[in-house]
Protein backbone atom coordinates (compact mmCIF):
# COMPACT_ATOMS: atom_id res chain seq x y z
CA MET A 1 -16.22 -7.02 20.49
CA THR A 2 -14.95 -3.92 22.22
CA ALA A 3 -13.60 -1.26 19.92
CA TYR A 4 -11.01 1.28 20.97
CA LYS A 5 -9.77 4.55 19.60
CA PHE A 6 -6.66 4.13 17.49
CA GLY A 7 -3.89 6.51 18.49
CA LEU A 8 -2.80 9.23 16.09
CA GLU A 9 0.59 7.51 15.79
CA GLN A 10 -1.17 4.40 14.44
CA ILE A 11 -3.13 6.48 11.91
CA HIS A 12 0.09 8.32 10.93
CA THR A 13 1.71 4.92 10.33
CA LEU A 14 -1.12 3.78 8.04
CA VAL A 15 -1.01 7.03 6.05
CA GLN A 16 2.81 6.97 5.86
CA ALA A 17 2.73 3.43 4.47
CA ALA A 18 0.40 4.55 1.70
CA LEU A 19 2.18 7.75 0.70
CA PRO A 20 3.92 7.77 -2.69
CA GLY A 21 7.10 5.75 -2.66
CA VAL A 22 9.55 4.40 -5.13
CA GLY A 23 7.58 3.38 -8.19
CA PHE A 24 4.04 3.45 -6.83
CA THR A 25 1.18 5.70 -5.85
CA LEU A 26 -1.61 4.09 -3.87
CA SER A 27 -5.10 4.47 -5.32
CA TRP A 28 -8.49 3.03 -4.52
CA PRO A 29 -12.03 3.26 -5.91
CA THR A 30 -14.23 6.04 -4.58
CA ALA A 31 -17.79 7.16 -5.12
CA ALA A 32 -16.89 10.58 -3.71
CA THR A 33 -18.46 13.44 -5.54
CA GLU A 34 -17.47 16.25 -3.19
CA ARG A 35 -16.18 19.44 -4.69
CA LEU A 36 -12.51 19.68 -3.88
CA ASP A 37 -10.33 22.74 -3.75
CA ALA A 38 -7.73 23.23 -6.47
CA GLU A 39 -4.93 21.72 -4.38
CA VAL A 40 -6.81 18.47 -3.67
CA ALA A 41 -8.83 18.13 -6.91
CA PRO A 42 -6.21 16.04 -8.74
CA SER A 43 -6.55 13.34 -6.06
CA ILE A 44 -9.72 11.99 -7.71
CA LEU A 45 -9.68 10.94 -11.33
CA ARG A 46 -12.76 9.69 -13.15
CA HIS A 47 -12.76 7.14 -15.96
CA PRO A 48 -14.08 8.94 -19.07
CA VAL A 49 -16.47 6.12 -20.06
CA THR A 50 -17.51 4.35 -16.85
CA GLY A 51 -17.29 7.39 -14.59
CA GLU A 52 -15.65 5.29 -11.86
CA GLY A 53 -13.57 7.45 -9.58
CA ARG A 54 -10.19 6.60 -8.10
CA ARG A 55 -8.58 8.57 -5.32
CA TYR A 56 -4.80 8.90 -5.31
CA LEU A 57 -2.95 9.57 -2.09
CA GLY A 58 -0.36 12.31 -2.09
CA TYR A 59 1.19 14.53 0.54
CA ASN A 60 -1.43 17.16 -0.31
CA THR A 61 -4.27 14.76 0.62
CA ALA A 62 -2.69 12.97 3.60
CA ASP A 63 -4.69 15.04 6.10
CA ARG A 64 -7.99 14.22 4.40
CA VAL A 65 -7.24 10.49 4.16
CA GLY A 66 -6.08 10.39 7.78
CA GLN A 67 -9.29 12.15 8.83
CA MET A 68 -11.29 9.54 6.88
CA LEU A 69 -9.50 6.78 8.85
CA VAL A 70 -10.07 8.56 12.19
CA ASN A 71 -13.78 8.97 11.37
CA ALA A 72 -14.14 5.30 10.37
CA ASN A 73 -12.47 4.33 13.66
CA LEU A 74 -14.97 6.46 15.61
CA HIS A 75 -17.86 4.86 13.68
CA SER A 76 -16.53 1.41 14.62
CA MET A 77 -16.39 2.41 18.28
CA ASP A 78 -20.00 3.56 18.11
CA ALA A 79 -21.11 0.37 16.30
CA CYS A 80 -19.41 -1.89 18.88
CA ASN A 81 -20.29 0.16 21.97
CA PRO A 82 -23.48 2.11 21.16
CA ASN A 83 -24.09 3.06 24.80
CA ALA A 84 -20.55 4.16 25.58
CA PRO A 85 -19.67 7.87 25.53
CA MET A 86 -17.87 8.85 22.35
CA PRO A 87 -14.42 10.40 22.65
CA PRO A 88 -14.13 13.98 21.50
CA ALA A 89 -13.81 14.51 17.75
CA THR A 90 -10.26 14.62 16.47
CA VAL A 91 -9.12 16.91 13.69
CA TYR A 92 -6.40 14.96 11.95
CA GLN A 93 -3.20 16.49 10.65
CA TYR A 94 -0.63 14.16 9.14
CA GLN A 95 2.80 13.96 10.75
CA THR A 96 5.64 11.60 10.03
CA PRO A 97 5.37 8.72 12.53
CA THR A 98 7.98 8.69 15.27
CA LYS A 99 8.57 4.94 14.81
CA ARG A 100 9.05 3.05 11.56
CA SER A 101 7.04 -0.14 11.24
CA SER A 102 8.27 -3.33 9.69
CA VAL A 103 6.26 -4.64 6.77
CA GLU A 104 4.97 -7.44 9.00
CA GLY A 105 3.96 -4.97 11.73
CA LEU A 106 2.22 -2.78 9.19
CA LEU A 107 0.23 -5.73 7.88
CA ALA A 108 -0.81 -6.61 11.45
CA LEU A 109 -1.86 -3.00 12.10
CA ILE A 110 -3.98 -2.74 8.95
CA CYS A 111 -5.63 -6.10 9.71
CA GLU A 112 -6.37 -4.97 13.29
CA TYR A 113 -7.87 -1.70 12.04
CA GLU A 114 -10.03 -3.52 9.49
CA GLU A 115 -11.17 -6.16 11.99
CA GLN A 116 -12.40 -3.45 14.33
CA CYS A 117 -14.24 -1.62 11.54
CA LEU A 118 -16.06 -4.75 10.33
CA HIS A 119 -18.88 -3.96 12.75
CA VAL A 120 -19.74 -0.69 11.04
CA PRO A 121 -22.81 -0.99 8.83
CA ALA A 122 -21.84 -0.59 5.16
CA TRP A 123 -18.11 -0.85 6.02
CA GLY A 124 -17.55 -2.87 2.84
CA GLU A 125 -18.87 -0.01 0.70
CA SER A 126 -16.94 2.76 2.46
CA GLU A 127 -13.96 4.61 1.05
CA ALA A 128 -12.00 3.79 4.21
CA TYR A 129 -12.52 0.08 3.40
CA ALA A 130 -11.31 0.62 -0.18
CA PHE A 131 -8.21 2.44 1.15
CA CYS A 132 -7.45 -0.38 3.62
CA ARG A 133 -7.89 -3.03 0.94
CA ALA A 134 -5.51 -1.20 -1.43
CA LEU A 135 -2.95 -0.69 1.35
CA ARG A 136 -3.18 -4.33 2.49
CA THR A 137 -2.68 -5.50 -1.11
CA ARG A 138 0.36 -3.23 -1.46
CA ILE A 139 1.89 -4.37 1.84
CA THR A 140 1.29 -8.04 1.01
CA LYS A 141 2.97 -7.54 -2.38
CA ASP A 142 5.94 -5.82 -0.71
CA LEU A 143 6.25 -8.66 1.79
CA THR A 144 6.08 -11.26 -0.98
CA ASP A 145 8.73 -9.38 -2.96
CA MET A 146 10.97 -9.24 0.13
CA LEU A 147 10.63 -13.00 0.63
CA ARG A 148 11.45 -13.62 -3.05
CA VAL A 149 14.58 -11.48 -2.83
CA ASP A 150 15.64 -13.28 0.36
CA ALA A 151 15.16 -16.62 -1.40
CA LEU A 152 17.46 -15.52 -4.22
CA PHE A 153 20.30 -15.01 -1.77
CA VAL A 154 19.95 -18.25 0.17
CA LYS A 155 23.03 -20.34 -0.52
CA PRO A 156 22.38 -23.99 -1.28
CA GLU A 157 23.86 -26.37 1.20
CA VAL A 158 27.12 -27.85 0.00
CA GLN A 159 27.60 -31.46 0.90
CA THR A 160 31.04 -32.70 1.73
CA SER A 161 32.29 -35.88 0.03
CA THR A 162 31.70 -37.79 3.28
CA GLU A 163 28.05 -36.64 3.43
CA LYS A 164 27.56 -37.63 -0.21
CA GLU A 165 28.83 -41.15 0.51
CA LYS A 166 26.31 -41.50 3.38
CA ASN A 167 23.39 -40.63 1.05
């Protein structure tokens, strides 16, 4: 498989989809132990008994999460094309995407990103994988909820008396 560098607009779209919205904040498990500055520190919470960490995405951590996704993309390019020259490193800074994606388009994008990263050794244990899994779950739930709401508003077919007589 040939891997390619995802554009910043695509990364912006993934981050935007995960930013806090109405009634939810995306979180995922992390083994991160890095020391974070005061502004970012609340993004990782540890369970008092198990010690498991969960990272929460907020506008104050969007740059860091986007950088994590850019770095995972570069690792996938290296894993798929070890002899190809690597593109220059990108310092990520979140910006609102110029285009809004549909839920279906977002799901396709996250699946495409994950498929490309599958070739990275230890991808399944990475924080980028955990983020993608949490985002995919959230998008799938949103899509399911949309389909349920649409089903509520579908009007049953009304048969005329002539159609009833035929049946």
